Protein backbone atom coordinates (compact mmCIF):
# COMPACT_ATOMS: atom_id res chain seq x y z
CA MET A 1 186.01 193.46 -31.07
CA ALA A 2 185.27 195.42 -34.05
CA TRP A 3 187.98 197.87 -32.99
CA PHE A 4 190.40 195.09 -32.84
CA TRP A 5 189.76 193.87 -36.16
CA LEU A 6 190.11 197.37 -37.48
CA ILE A 7 193.36 197.72 -35.86
CA LEU A 8 194.64 194.32 -37.25
CA GLY A 9 193.54 195.25 -40.71
CA GLY A 10 195.23 198.74 -40.42
CA LEU A 11 198.41 196.77 -39.69
CA PHE A 12 197.89 194.35 -42.70
CA GLU A 13 197.70 197.65 -44.81
CA VAL A 14 201.24 198.26 -43.40
CA GLY A 15 201.97 194.81 -44.76
CA PHE A 16 200.73 195.43 -48.15
CA THR A 17 202.30 198.91 -48.61
CA THR A 18 205.65 197.43 -47.45
CA SER A 19 205.48 194.53 -49.58
CA LEU A 20 204.84 196.80 -52.59
CA ARG A 21 208.29 198.12 -52.27
CA PHE A 22 209.75 194.67 -53.19
CA VAL A 23 207.26 193.23 -55.86
CA ASP A 24 209.50 194.58 -58.59
CA GLY A 25 206.35 195.08 -61.44
CA PHE A 26 204.95 191.80 -59.72
CA ARG A 27 207.75 189.95 -60.98
CA ASN A 28 208.94 188.96 -57.35
CA LEU A 29 206.64 185.92 -56.47
CA PRO A 30 207.40 185.73 -52.53
CA TRP A 31 206.84 189.67 -52.23
CA THR A 32 203.52 189.56 -54.50
CA LEU A 33 202.06 186.64 -52.87
CA ALA A 34 202.59 188.70 -49.42
CA PHE A 35 201.21 191.75 -50.85
CA LEU A 36 198.12 189.77 -52.24
CA VAL A 37 197.68 187.99 -48.95
CA SER A 38 198.01 191.48 -46.80
CA VAL A 39 195.52 193.29 -49.15
CA GLY A 40 193.18 190.64 -48.90
CA VAL A 41 193.32 190.16 -45.00
CA SER A 42 193.18 193.74 -44.69
CA MET A 43 190.21 194.50 -46.81
CA ALA A 44 188.62 191.42 -45.21
CA LEU A 45 189.12 192.90 -41.77
CA LEU A 46 188.16 196.27 -42.60
CA GLU A 47 184.85 195.02 -44.02
CA LEU A 48 184.40 192.95 -40.89
CA ALA A 49 184.81 195.88 -38.52
CA ALA A 50 182.67 198.17 -40.73
CA ARG A 51 179.56 195.97 -39.91
CA THR A 52 179.77 197.62 -36.54
CA ILE A 53 181.70 200.78 -36.87
CA PRO A 54 180.41 203.28 -39.32
CA MET A 55 182.24 203.18 -42.78
CA GLY A 56 183.42 206.64 -42.88
CA THR A 57 185.10 206.24 -39.41
CA ALA A 58 186.30 202.55 -40.21
CA TYR A 59 188.11 203.71 -43.48
CA ALA A 60 189.37 206.90 -41.94
CA VAL A 61 191.17 204.75 -38.77
CA TRP A 62 192.21 202.10 -41.20
CA GLY A 63 193.56 204.26 -43.58
CA GLY A 64 195.58 206.52 -40.99
CA ILE A 65 196.83 203.26 -39.11
CA GLY A 66 198.28 202.36 -42.32
CA ALA A 67 199.57 205.71 -43.45
CA VAL A 68 201.48 205.86 -39.56
CA GLY A 69 202.57 202.70 -39.74
CA THR A 70 204.07 202.88 -43.30
CA VAL A 71 205.77 206.00 -42.37
CA LEU A 72 207.07 204.48 -39.34
CA VAL A 73 208.49 201.20 -41.33
CA GLY A 74 210.03 203.71 -43.69
CA ILE A 75 211.88 205.41 -41.18
CA PHE A 76 213.09 202.46 -38.94
CA PHE A 77 213.58 200.12 -41.77
CA PHE A 78 214.34 202.15 -44.93
CA GLY A 79 216.28 205.18 -43.66
CA GLU A 80 213.48 207.84 -44.38
CA ALA A 81 213.70 211.25 -43.01
CA ALA A 82 212.42 211.59 -39.65
CA GLY A 83 212.31 215.34 -38.82
CA ALA A 84 210.44 217.01 -36.39
CA LEU A 85 207.91 218.51 -38.62
CA ARG A 86 207.16 214.91 -40.03
CA ILE A 87 206.83 213.54 -36.65
CA ALA A 88 204.58 216.03 -35.15
CA LEU A 89 202.12 215.66 -38.31
CA ILE A 90 202.19 211.99 -37.76
CA PHE A 91 201.37 212.76 -34.10
CA GLY A 92 198.68 214.76 -35.51
CA ILE A 93 197.23 211.73 -37.72
CA VAL A 94 197.44 209.41 -34.49
CA ALA A 95 195.28 212.24 -32.51
CA CYS A 96 192.73 212.11 -35.16
CA ILE A 97 192.39 208.54 -34.96
CA ALA A 98 191.94 208.51 -31.46
CA GLY A 99 189.44 211.37 -31.48
CA LEU A 100 187.25 209.01 -33.89
CA LYS A 101 187.72 206.24 -31.27
CA LEU A 102 186.45 208.59 -28.94
CA ILE A 103 183.52 210.06 -30.57
CA HIS A 104 182.18 206.64 -31.81
C-alpha cells in the first residue's frame, strides 16, 4: 500500500507544480488554494509512504514522478518542446524509478 500512496503523492506533486504556473504571486486565490492543497496532500502521502519505504528511495521516486509528470503536462498542455533527446531523458528517469522499486 505504501507504493500506492507514494505514486499518488507524486501525482499531487504534479498538481502543485502545475498550479504554480497560475498563482500569479499568490494573488490568484483559486490557484493558490489548489497549490496549497496539492502541496499538503503530496507531502502527507510522502510521509505516509516513508513509514515503510526508506526515505531516500521514497523521496527519489516521489520527486521523479513529479518531474516526469510536470514535463509531460508541459508538453501536452502548454506546448513545451518534446524533442527526441528530452523524451529519452524522461524515459531514463522512469527507468531509474522502476529500478528503485525493483531493488526495494
